C-alpha atoms as a PDB file:
ATOM      1  CA  MET A   1      58.131  57.655  80.046  1.00  0.00           C
ATOM      2  CA  ARG A   2      60.570  57.937  76.776  1.00  0.00           C
ATOM      3  CA  GLN A   3      58.799  60.802  75.879  1.00  0.00           C
ATOM      4  CA  LEU A   4      58.872  62.544  79.215  1.00  0.00           C
ATOM      5  CA  LEU A   5      62.821  61.887  79.226  1.00  0.00           C
ATOM      6  CA  LEU A   6      63.238  63.050  75.619  1.00  0.00           C
ATOM      7  CA  SER A   7      61.628  66.057  76.352  1.00  0.00           C
ATOM      8  CA  ALA A   8      63.650  66.787  79.654  1.00  0.00           C
ATOM      9  CA  MET A   9      66.922  66.128  77.508  1.00  0.00           C
ATOM     10  CA  LEU A  10      65.343  69.021  75.108  1.00  0.00           C
ATOM     11  CA  LEU A  11      64.721  71.334  77.545  1.00  0.00           C
ATOM     12  CA  ALA A  12      68.124  71.172  79.162  1.00  0.00           C
ATOM     13  CA  ALA A  13      69.919  71.589  75.971  1.00  0.00           C
ATOM     14  CA  ALA A  14      67.745  74.281  75.324  1.00  0.00           C
ATOM     15  CA  THR A  15      68.841  76.167  78.801  1.00  0.00           C
ATOM     16  CA  THR A  16      72.691  75.268  78.193  1.00  0.00           C
ATOM     17  CA  LEU A  17      72.422  76.812  74.923  1.00  0.00           C
ATOM     18  CA  HIS A  18      70.731  79.714  75.754  1.00  0.00           C
ATOM     19  CA  ALA A  19      73.550  79.949  78.781  1.00  0.00           C
ATOM     20  CA  GLN A  20      76.224  79.811  76.424  1.00  0.00           C
ATOM     21  CA  GLN A  21      75.208  82.932  74.384  1.00  0.00           C
ATOM     22  CA  PRO A  22      76.913  86.084  74.986  1.00  0.00           C
ATOM     23  CA  THR A  23      75.207  88.789  76.663  1.00  0.00           C
ATOM     24  CA  ALA A  24      74.849  91.847  74.425  1.00  0.00           C
ATOM     25  CA  PRO A  25      76.807  94.976  75.317  1.00  0.00           C
ATOM     26  CA  ALA A  26      74.831  97.400  77.517  1.00  0.00           C
ATOM     27  CA  PRO A  27      73.861 100.732  75.467  1.00  0.00           C
ATOM     28  CA  ALA A  28      76.263 103.614  75.542  1.00  0.00           C
ATOM     29  CA  SER A  29      75.435 106.159  78.275  1.00  0.00           C
ATOM     30  CA  PRO A  30      76.643 107.726  81.311  1.00  0.00           C
ATOM     31  CA  ILE A  31      76.304 105.208  82.922  1.00  0.00           C
ATOM     32  CA  THR A  32      78.896 102.875  80.920  1.00  0.00           C
ATOM     33  CA  ASP A  33      80.969 106.415  80.272  1.00  0.00           C
ATOM     34  CA  HIS A  34      84.841 106.006  81.770  1.00  0.00           C
ATOM     35  CA  PHE A  35      86.126 109.678  80.567  1.00  0.00           C
ATOM     36  CA  ALA A  36      83.813 112.549  79.267  1.00  0.00           C
ATOM     37  CA  PHE A  37      84.346 115.780  78.678  1.00  0.00           C
ATOM     38  CA  ARG A  38      81.318 118.573  78.242  1.00  0.00           C
ATOM     39  CA  ALA A  39      81.371 121.637  76.793  1.00  0.00           C
ATOM     40  CA  GLY A  40      78.752 123.792  76.575  1.00  0.00           C
ATOM     41  CA  ILE A  41      76.937 127.675  76.719  1.00  0.00           C
ATOM     42  CA  PHE A  42      75.076 128.642  79.836  1.00  0.00           C
ATOM     43  CA  TYR A  43      72.505 130.977  79.399  1.00  0.00           C
ATOM     44  CA  GLY A  44      71.975 132.388  82.476  1.00  0.00           C
ATOM     45  CA  THR A  45      71.151 135.676  85.104  1.00  0.00           C
ATOM     46  CA  ALA A  46      72.934 137.055  87.836  1.00  0.00           C
ATOM     47  CA  ALA A  47      71.994 138.250  91.392  1.00  0.00           C
ATOM     48  CA  THR A  48      74.820 139.535  93.248  1.00  0.00           C
ATOM     49  CA  THR A  49      74.375 141.073  96.946  1.00  0.00           C
ATOM     50  CA  GLY A  50      76.806 142.458  99.121  1.00  0.00           C
ATOM     51  CA  GLU A  51      78.109 144.443 102.390  1.00  0.00           C
ATOM     52  CA  VAL A  52      81.784 146.281 102.810  1.00  0.00           C
ATOM     53  CA  ASP A  53      82.789 147.203 106.146  1.00  0.00           C
ATOM     54  CA  ASP A  54      85.370 149.238 107.620  1.00  0.00           C
ATOM     55  CA  PRO A  55      86.235 147.741 110.951  1.00  0.00           C
ATOM     56  CA  ASN A  56      87.607 151.447 112.067  1.00  0.00           C
ATOM     57  CA  ALA A  57      84.246 153.062 111.270  1.00  0.00           C
ATOM     58  CA  ALA A  58      81.433 153.597 113.493  1.00  0.00           C
ATOM     59  CA  THR A  59      79.342 153.374 110.518  1.00  0.00           C
ATOM     60  CA  PRO A  60      78.797 149.718 109.231  1.00  0.00           C
ATOM     61  CA  GLY A  61      78.793 149.243 105.480  1.00  0.00           C
ATOM     62  CA  THR A  62      75.243 149.186 103.494  1.00  0.00           C
ATOM     63  CA  PRO A  63      74.153 146.381 101.776  1.00  0.00           C
ATOM     64  CA  PHE A  64      74.101 146.456  97.828  1.00  0.00           C
ATOM     65  CA  SER A  65      72.982 144.688  95.059  1.00  0.00           C
ATOM     66  CA  LEU A  66      75.562 145.077  92.129  1.00  0.00           C
ATOM     67  CA  GLU A  67      73.057 144.855  89.054  1.00  0.00           C
ATOM     68  CA  ASP A  68      70.406 147.634  90.978  1.00  0.00           C
ATOM     69  CA  ASP A  69      72.779 150.283  92.429  1.00  0.00           C
ATOM     70  CA  PHE A  70      75.945 149.527  90.148  1.00  0.00           C
ATOM     71  CA  LYS A  71      74.362 148.408  87.095  1.00  0.00           C
ATOM     72  CA  LEU A  72      76.324 145.570  86.213  1.00  0.00           C
ATOM     73  CA  GLY A  73      74.473 143.604  83.661  1.00  0.00           C
ATOM     74  CA  PRO A  74      72.426 140.851  85.226  1.00  0.00           C
ATOM     75  CA  LYS A  75      73.304 138.644  81.923  1.00  0.00           C
ATOM     76  CA  ALA A  76      75.646 135.265  82.730  1.00  0.00           C
ATOM     77  CA  HIS A  77      76.469 133.981  78.927  1.00  0.00           C
ATOM     78  CA  GLN A  78      79.787 131.923  79.465  1.00  0.00           C
ATOM     79  CA  ALA A  79      81.297 128.884  77.792  1.00  0.00           C
ATOM     80  CA  ARG A  80      81.304 125.611  80.221  1.00  0.00           C
ATOM     81  CA  ALA A  81      83.565 122.769  80.392  1.00  0.00           C
ATOM     82  CA  GLU A  82      83.446 119.688  82.765  1.00  0.00           C
ATOM     83  CA  PHE A  83      85.573 116.572  82.335  1.00  0.00           C
ATOM     84  CA  MET A  84      84.895 113.375  84.073  1.00  0.00           C
ATOM     85  CA  PHE A  85      87.052 110.200  84.782  1.00  0.00           C
ATOM     86  CA  ARG A  86      85.275 107.081  86.366  1.00  0.00           C
ATOM     87  CA  MET A  87      87.779 105.189  88.498  1.00  0.00           C
ATOM     88  CA  ARG A  88      87.115 101.408  88.330  1.00  0.00           C
ATOM     89  CA  GLU A  89      83.139 100.668  87.951  1.00  0.00           C
ATOM     90  CA  ARG A  90      81.568 103.001  90.602  1.00  0.00           C
ATOM     91  CA  GLY A  91      84.219 106.061  91.924  1.00  0.00           C
ATOM     92  CA  ARG A  92      83.530 109.044  89.485  1.00  0.00           C
ATOM     93  CA  LEU A  93      85.485 111.860  89.588  1.00  0.00           C
ATOM     94  CA  ARG A  94      84.283 115.430  88.304  1.00  0.00           C
ATOM     95  CA  VAL A  95      86.090 118.762  87.219  1.00  0.00           C
ATOM     96  CA  ASP A  96      84.618 122.072  86.160  1.00  0.00           C
ATOM     97  CA  MET A  97      85.534 125.622  86.667  1.00  0.00           C
ATOM     98  CA  TRP A  98      83.826 128.832  85.428  1.00  0.00           C
ATOM     99  CA  GLU A  99      84.585 132.615  86.150  1.00  0.00           C
ATOM    100  CA  LEU A 100      82.114 135.381  85.850  1.00  0.00           C
ATOM    101  CA  ASN A 101      83.408 139.058  85.034  1.00  0.00           C
ATOM    102  CA  ARG A 102      81.659 141.768  85.056  1.00  0.00           C
ATOM    103  CA  SER A 103      82.299 145.860  85.220  1.00  0.00           C
ATOM    104  CA  GLY A 104      79.507 148.648  85.549  1.00  0.00           C
ATOM    105  CA  VAL A 105      79.342 152.668  85.658  1.00  0.00           C
ATOM    106  CA  ALA A 106      76.784 154.442  87.367  1.00  0.00           C
ATOM    107  CA  SER A 107      75.641 157.155  90.433  1.00  0.00           C
ATOM    108  CA  PRO A 108      73.832 155.197  92.978  1.00  0.00           C
ATOM    109  CA  GLN A 109      69.982 156.328  94.099  1.00  0.00           C
ATOM    110  CA  ASN A 110      70.743 156.203  97.540  1.00  0.00           C
ATOM    111  CA  ASP A 111      73.984 156.605  99.490  1.00  0.00           C
ATOM    112  CA  ILE A 112      76.245 153.673 100.189  1.00  0.00           C
ATOM    113  CA  VAL A 113      78.597 153.377 102.793  1.00  0.00           C
ATOM    114  CA  TYR A 114      81.483 150.889 100.986  1.00  0.00           C
ATOM    115  CA  GLY A 115      84.245 150.575 103.449  1.00  0.00           C
ATOM    116  CA  GLY A 116      85.202 153.757 105.208  1.00  0.00           C
ATOM    117  CA  ASN A 117      83.910 155.591 102.256  1.00  0.00           C
ATOM    118  CA  THR A 118      80.711 157.331 101.636  1.00  0.00           C
ATOM    119  CA  PHE A 119      79.320 157.223  97.485  1.00  0.00           C
ATOM    120  CA  CYS A 120      77.005 160.289  97.368  1.00  0.00           C
ATOM    121  CA  SER A 121      73.279 160.215  95.157  1.00  0.00           C
ATOM    122  CA  ALA A 122      72.098 163.114  93.690  1.00  0.00           C
ATOM    123  CA  ALA A 123      69.550 163.458  96.535  1.00  0.00           C
ATOM    124  CA  SER A 124      72.171 162.906  99.793  1.00  0.00           C
ATOM    125  CA  SER A 125      71.707 164.763 103.093  1.00  0.00           C
ATOM    126  CA  ASN A 126      75.010 163.262 104.680  1.00  0.00           C
ATOM    127  CA  ALA A 127      77.125 165.869 105.851  1.00  0.00           C
ATOM    128  CA  ALA A 128      79.996 164.655 103.559  1.00  0.00           C
ATOM    129  CA  CYS A 129      78.005 164.927 100.559  1.00  0.00           C
ATOM    130  CA  ILE A 130      77.411 168.091  98.287  1.00  0.00           C
ATOM    131  CA  PRO A 131      73.311 167.679  97.185  1.00  0.00           C
ATOM    132  CA  GLY A 132      72.768 167.452  93.667  1.00  0.00           C
ATOM    133  CA  ASN A 133      76.113 166.421  93.310  1.00  0.00           C
ATOM    134  CA  ALA A 134      75.823 162.351  92.360  1.00  0.00           C
ATOM    135  CA  ASP A 135      79.626 160.532  92.640  1.00  0.00           C
ATOM    136  CA  VAL A 136      80.129 158.256  88.988  1.00  0.00           C
ATOM    137  CA  VAL A 137      81.276 155.059  90.694  1.00  0.00           C
ATOM    138  CA  TYR A 138      83.078 152.551  88.562  1.00  0.00           C
ATOM    139  CA  SER A 139      82.961 148.973  89.682  1.00  0.00           C
ATOM    140  CA  LYS A 140      84.036 145.667  89.017  1.00  0.00           C
ATOM    141  CA  PHE A 141      83.198 142.294  90.332  1.00  0.00           C
ATOM    142  CA  ASN A 142      85.236 138.941  89.664  1.00  0.00           C
ATOM    143  CA  TRP A 143      84.303 135.336  91.212  1.00  0.00           C
ATOM    144  CA  GLN A 144      86.292 132.415  89.993  1.00  0.00           C
ATOM    145  CA  GLN A 145      85.611 128.832  90.911  1.00  0.00           C
ATOM    146  CA  VAL A 146      86.902 125.359  90.250  1.00  0.00           C
ATOM    147  CA  ASN A 147      85.342 122.254  91.505  1.00  0.00           C
ATOM    148  CA  LEU A 148      86.354 118.758  92.152  1.00  0.00           C
ATOM    149  CA  THR A 149      83.918 115.989  93.182  1.00  0.00           C
ATOM    150  CA  TRP A 150      83.877 112.352  93.753  1.00  0.00           C
ATOM    151  CA  THR A 151      80.789 110.059  94.252  1.00  0.00           C
ATOM    152  CA  TYR A 152      80.537 106.423  94.577  1.00  0.00           C
ATOM    153  CA  SER A 153      78.378 104.900  93.372  1.00  0.00           C
ATOM    154  CA  PHE A 154      76.369 102.335  95.843  1.00  0.00           C
ATOM    155  CA  LEU A 155      73.599 101.917  93.076  1.00  0.00           C
ATOM    156  CA  ARG A 156      74.692 100.661  90.173  1.00  0.00           C
ATOM    157  CA  ARG A 157      72.292  98.929  87.153  1.00  0.00           C
ATOM    158  CA  ASP A 158      72.260  98.884  83.621  1.00  0.00           C
ATOM    159  CA  ARG A 159      69.372 101.343  83.338  1.00  0.00           C
ATOM    160  CA  PHE A 160      70.192 103.657  86.273  1.00  0.00           C
ATOM    161  CA  GLU A 161      73.333 104.444  88.484  1.00  0.00           C
ATOM    162  CA  LEU A 162      72.813 106.358  92.086  1.00  0.00           C
ATOM    163  CA  GLY A 163      75.966 108.049  93.795  1.00  0.00           C
ATOM    164  CA  ALA A 164      77.061 110.229  96.991  1.00  0.00           C
ATOM    165  CA  GLY A 165      80.335 111.831  97.997  1.00  0.00           C
ATOM    166  CA  LEU A 166      82.178 114.886  98.518  1.00  0.00           C
ATOM    167  CA  GLY A 167      83.195 118.110  96.426  1.00  0.00           C
ATOM    168  CA  LEU A 168      85.981 120.451  97.097  1.00  0.00           C
ATOM    169  CA  HIS A 169      85.811 123.926  95.809  1.00  0.00           C
ATOM    170  CA  LEU A 170      88.141 126.714  95.327  1.00  0.00           C
ATOM    171  CA  ILE A 171      86.200 130.085  94.943  1.00  0.00           C
ATOM    172  CA  GLN A 172      88.194 133.733  95.056  1.00  0.00           C
ATOM    173  CA  ALA A 173      85.752 136.506  94.753  1.00  0.00           C
ATOM    174  CA  GLU A 174      86.838 140.424  94.120  1.00  0.00           C
ATOM    175  CA  ALA A 175      84.239 142.666  94.447  1.00  0.00           C
ATOM    176  CA  GLU A 176      85.993 146.745  93.169  1.00  0.00           C
ATOM    177  CA  ALA A 177      84.671 150.420  93.450  1.00  0.00           C
ATOM    178  CA  ARG A 178      86.361 153.319  92.332  1.00  0.00           C
ATOM    179  CA  VAL A 179      85.200 157.054  92.181  1.00  0.00           C
ATOM    180  CA  PRO A 180      87.374 159.639  90.721  1.00  0.00           C
ATOM    181  CA  ALA A 181      88.389 163.220  92.604  1.00  0.00           C
ATOM    182  CA  ASN A 182      85.047 165.135  92.697  1.00  0.00           C
ATOM    183  CA  ALA A 183      83.425 168.231  95.124  1.00  0.00           C
ATOM    184  CA  ASN A 184      82.609 165.378  97.275  1.00  0.00           C
ATOM    185  CA  HIS A 185      86.045 163.508  97.333  1.00  0.00           C
ATOM    186  CA  PRO A 186      88.951 166.090  96.912  1.00  0.00           C
ATOM    187  CA  GLN A 187      90.691 162.961  96.454  1.00  0.00           C
ATOM    188  CA  SER A 188      89.963 160.062  94.341  1.00  0.00           C
ATOM    189  CA  VAL A 189      88.363 156.820  96.010  1.00  0.00           C
ATOM    190  CA  TYR A 190      89.067 153.448  95.850  1.00  0.00           C
ATOM    191  CA  GLU A 191      87.956 150.381  97.753  1.00  0.00           C
ATOM    192  CA  ASP A 192      88.779 146.607  96.942  1.00  0.00           C
ATOM    193  CA  PHE A 193      87.117 143.291  98.789  1.00  0.00           C
ATOM    194  CA  THR A 194      88.919 140.323  98.210  1.00  0.00           C
ATOM    195  CA  GLY A 195      88.171 136.785  99.403  1.00  0.00           C
ATOM    196  CA  ALA A 196      89.177 133.092  99.189  1.00  0.00           C
ATOM    197  CA  GLY A 197      89.044 129.870 100.332  1.00  0.00           C
ATOM    198  CA  PRO A 198      88.554 126.301  99.754  1.00  0.00           C
ATOM    199  CA  PHE A 199      85.130 124.599 100.936  1.00  0.00           C
ATOM    200  CA  VAL A 200      83.688 121.062 101.111  1.00  0.00           C
ATOM    201  CA  THR A 201      80.488 119.924 100.177  1.00  0.00           C
ATOM    202  CA  LEU A 202      78.516 116.956 100.613  1.00  0.00           C
ATOM    203  CA  ALA A 203      77.018 115.952  97.156  1.00  0.00           C
ATOM    204  CA  LEU A 204      74.545 113.110  95.484  1.00  0.00           C
ATOM    205  CA  ASP A 205      74.680 112.182  91.770  1.00  0.00           C
ATOM    206  CA  GLY A 206      72.312 109.941  89.891  1.00  0.00           C
ATOM    207  CA  THR A 207      71.491 109.208  86.008  1.00  0.00           C
ATOM    208  CA  TRP A 208      68.373 106.990  84.676  1.00  0.00           C
ATOM    209  CA  ARG A 209      69.072 105.843  80.649  1.00  0.00           C
ATOM    210  CA  ILE A 210      65.154 105.813  79.850  1.00  0.00           C
ATOM    211  CA  THR A 211      65.931 104.416  76.339  1.00  0.00           C
ATOM    212  CA  ARG A 212      68.581 103.196  74.090  1.00  0.00           C
ATOM    213  CA  ARG A 213      68.990 107.379  73.212  1.00  0.00           C
ATOM    214  CA  PHE A 214      67.801 109.034  75.981  1.00  0.00           C
ATOM    215  CA  ALA A 215      69.267 109.673  79.716  1.00  0.00           C
ATOM    216  CA  LEU A 216      68.541 111.983  82.379  1.00  0.00           C
ATOM    217  CA  SER A 217      71.151 113.286  84.826  1.00  0.00           C
ATOM    218  CA  ALA A 218      70.557 115.102  88.241  1.00  0.00           C
ATOM    219  CA  ARG A 219      73.002 116.229  91.090  1.00  0.00           C
ATOM    220  CA  GLY A 220      73.351 118.139  93.784  1.00  0.00           C
ATOM    221  CA  GLN A 221      75.721 119.461  96.336  1.00  0.00           C
ATOM    222  CA  TYR A 222      75.718 121.561  99.297  1.00  0.00           C
ATOM    223  CA  PHE A 223      77.318 123.057 102.451  1.00  0.00           C
ATOM    224  CA  LYS A 224      78.083 125.440 104.904  1.00  0.00           C
ATOM    225  CA  LEU A 225      81.691 125.715 106.356  1.00  0.00           C
ATOM    226  CA  LYS A 226      84.025 128.297 108.078  1.00  0.00           C
ATOM    227  CA  VAL A 227      87.503 128.476 107.532  1.00  0.00           C
ATOM    228  CA  SER A 228      89.832 130.690 109.724  1.00  0.00           C
ATOM    229  CA  SER A 229      88.198 134.249 109.151  1.00  0.00           C
ATOM    230  CA  VAL A 230      86.367 133.150 106.068  1.00  0.00           C
ATOM    231  CA  LYS A 231      82.970 131.985 106.118  1.00  0.00           C
ATOM    232  CA  GLY A 232      81.512 130.612 102.924  1.00  0.00           C
ATOM    233  CA  SER A 233      78.153 128.319 101.615  1.00  0.00           C
ATOM    234  CA  LEU A 234      77.465 126.616  98.355  1.00  0.00           C
ATOM    235  CA  GLY A 235      74.718 125.369  97.063  1.00  0.00           C
ATOM    236  CA  ASP A 236      75.215 123.600  93.545  1.00  0.00           C
ATOM    237  CA  TYR A 237      71.942 122.169  91.250  1.00  0.00           C
ATOM    238  CA  HIS A 238      72.103 120.523  87.906  1.00  0.00           C
ATOM    239  CA  GLY A 239      69.702 118.698  85.707  1.00  0.00           C
ATOM    240  CA  ASP A 240      69.729 117.506  82.118  1.00  0.00           C
ATOM    241  CA  VAL A 241      68.307 115.299  79.340  1.00  0.00           C
ATOM    242  CA  GLN A 242      70.492 113.686  76.978  1.00  0.00           C
ATOM    243  CA  PHE A 243      70.223 112.364  73.346  1.00  0.00           C
ATOM    244  CA  ARG A 244      73.141 110.085  72.540  1.00  0.00           C
ATOM    245  CA  TRP A 245      73.211 110.672  68.682  1.00  0.00           C
ATOM    246  CA  ARG A 246      76.397 108.329  68.290  1.00  0.00           C
ATOM    247  CA  PRO A 247      77.959 106.109  70.700  1.00  0.00           C
ATOM    248  CA  ASN A 248      80.890 108.699  71.632  1.00  0.00           C
ATOM    249  CA  LEU A 249      78.858 111.685  71.175  1.00  0.00           C
ATOM    250  CA  ALA A 250      75.561 113.134  72.837  1.00  0.00           C
ATOM    251  CA  PHE A 251      74.004 116.476  72.948  1.00  0.00           C
ATOM    252  CA  GLY A 252      71.874 117.663  75.828  1.00  0.00           C
ATOM    253  CA  LEU A 253      69.720 120.905  77.569  1.00  0.00           C
ATOM    254  CA  GLY A 254      69.979 121.535  80.817  1.00  0.00           C
ATOM    255  CA  TYR A 255      69.138 124.032  83.486  1.00  0.00           C
ATOM    256  CA  LEU A 256      71.596 124.688  86.686  1.00  0.00           C
ATOM    257  CA  SER A 257      70.994 126.833  89.632  1.00  0.00           C
ATOM    258  CA  THR A 258      74.266 127.982  92.256  1.00  0.00           C
ATOM    259  CA  GLN A 259      74.264 129.968  95.265  1.00  0.00           C
ATOM    260  CA  SER A 260      77.358 130.811  96.578  1.00  0.00           C
ATOM    261  CA  ARG A 261      78.337 133.085  99.996  1.00  0.00           C
ATOM    262  CA  LEU A 262      81.946 134.255 100.704  1.00  0.00           C
ATOM    263  CA  GLU A 263      82.025 136.392 103.926  1.00  0.00           C
ATOM    264  CA  VAL A 264      85.372 137.477 105.372  1.00  0.00           C
ATOM    265  CA  THR A 265      85.730 138.797 109.142  1.00  0.00           C
ATOM    266  CA  ASN A 266      89.024 139.802 111.254  1.00  0.00           C
ATOM    267  CA  ASP A 267      89.977 141.493 107.966  1.00  0.00           C
ATOM    268  CA  ASN A 268      90.355 145.373 106.818  1.00  0.00           C
ATOM    269  CA  PRO A 269      87.790 145.207 104.456  1.00  0.00           C
ATOM    270  CA  ASN A 270      85.123 143.346 106.196  1.00  0.00           C
ATOM    271  CA  GLY A 271      82.232 142.104 104.487  1.00  0.00           C
ATOM    272  CA  PHE A 272      80.477 139.469 102.326  1.00  0.00           C
ATOM    273  CA  MET A 273      79.812 138.607  99.024  1.00  0.00           C
ATOM    274  CA  GLN A 274      76.891 136.541  97.415  1.00  0.00           C
ATOM    275  CA  LEU A 275      76.462 135.224  93.649  1.00  0.00           C
ATOM    276  CA  ARG A 276      73.046 133.881  92.685  1.00  0.00           C
ATOM    277  CA  ILE A 277      73.139 132.294  88.907  1.00  0.00           C
ATOM    278  CA  HIS A 278      70.615 130.431  87.422  1.00  0.00           C
ATOM    279  CA  GLY A 279      69.240 129.444  83.828  1.00  0.00           C
ATOM    280  CA  PRO A 280      69.631 126.617  80.811  1.00  0.00           C
ATOM    281  CA  GLU A 281      72.607 124.980  79.249  1.00  0.00           C
ATOM    282  CA  LEU A 282      73.254 123.649  75.667  1.00  0.00           C
ATOM    283  CA  PHE A 283      76.154 121.462  75.540  1.00  0.00           C
ATOM    284  CA  VAL A 284      77.706 118.695  73.516  1.00  0.00           C
ATOM    285  CA  ARG A 285      79.278 115.536  75.387  1.00  0.00           C
ATOM    286  CA  ALA A 286      82.288 113.471  73.868  1.00  0.00           C
ATOM    287  CA  SER A 287      82.665 109.872  75.714  1.00  0.00           C
ATOM    288  CA  PHE A 288      84.336 106.628  75.676  1.00  0.00           C
END
């Protein structure tokens, strides 16, 4: 009986001492960060399609590819920046912005109806074009986008976090085409298509701390919306692996894919612009 009582007392004392020992803090990771700034280089490719219609013309616009028909470069190499703010323990606000500006000079291989004008090819059979006299088209394409995404982590553990929320995206697109005066056009031709609007997406965001230094993050957003005469859709997907070199500094490799479409109706001109970009990204991430 004495031995049993002594063993019970020793076990109770050991349990109490273990409970009083402070718990080791969780390793620094995207799950524990309260603020983070990420700067990276995106090595992507772009595919841009569109159509510009003149509501007063009988002939609709011709669908075109800026890369194939107007010879805009498909490369989308650019710097990107992102901020993350943790709101209490489970809320996160992510802010990022980017833009893509390109220009090109080319003669179309086929006639392109762009707004109220026709850009003539060398093999044109259009009555408004002189055979063998192709137009030289100077084109520009600008796309600006600002993203604000808030998520609430309904599942949060030391090694895993999963949240859902909403994203607000401010998008502005402009496509410009200009043809100097020539035999086909006694006066220079200028067409400009512009659209802008705010769009809301549903967002899902997850993080997995694989080891003390490595973490995997993935997120996705998608939605369609119509605001007045502007329709838009956005699908944005991103995944990356991070290496925690120091508690406040990490390096990473990611891959992202974005598809955005902006359509304008009840305007002059009408039409749509659609942009697809995808590719790898190298980044550095500072946090605390």
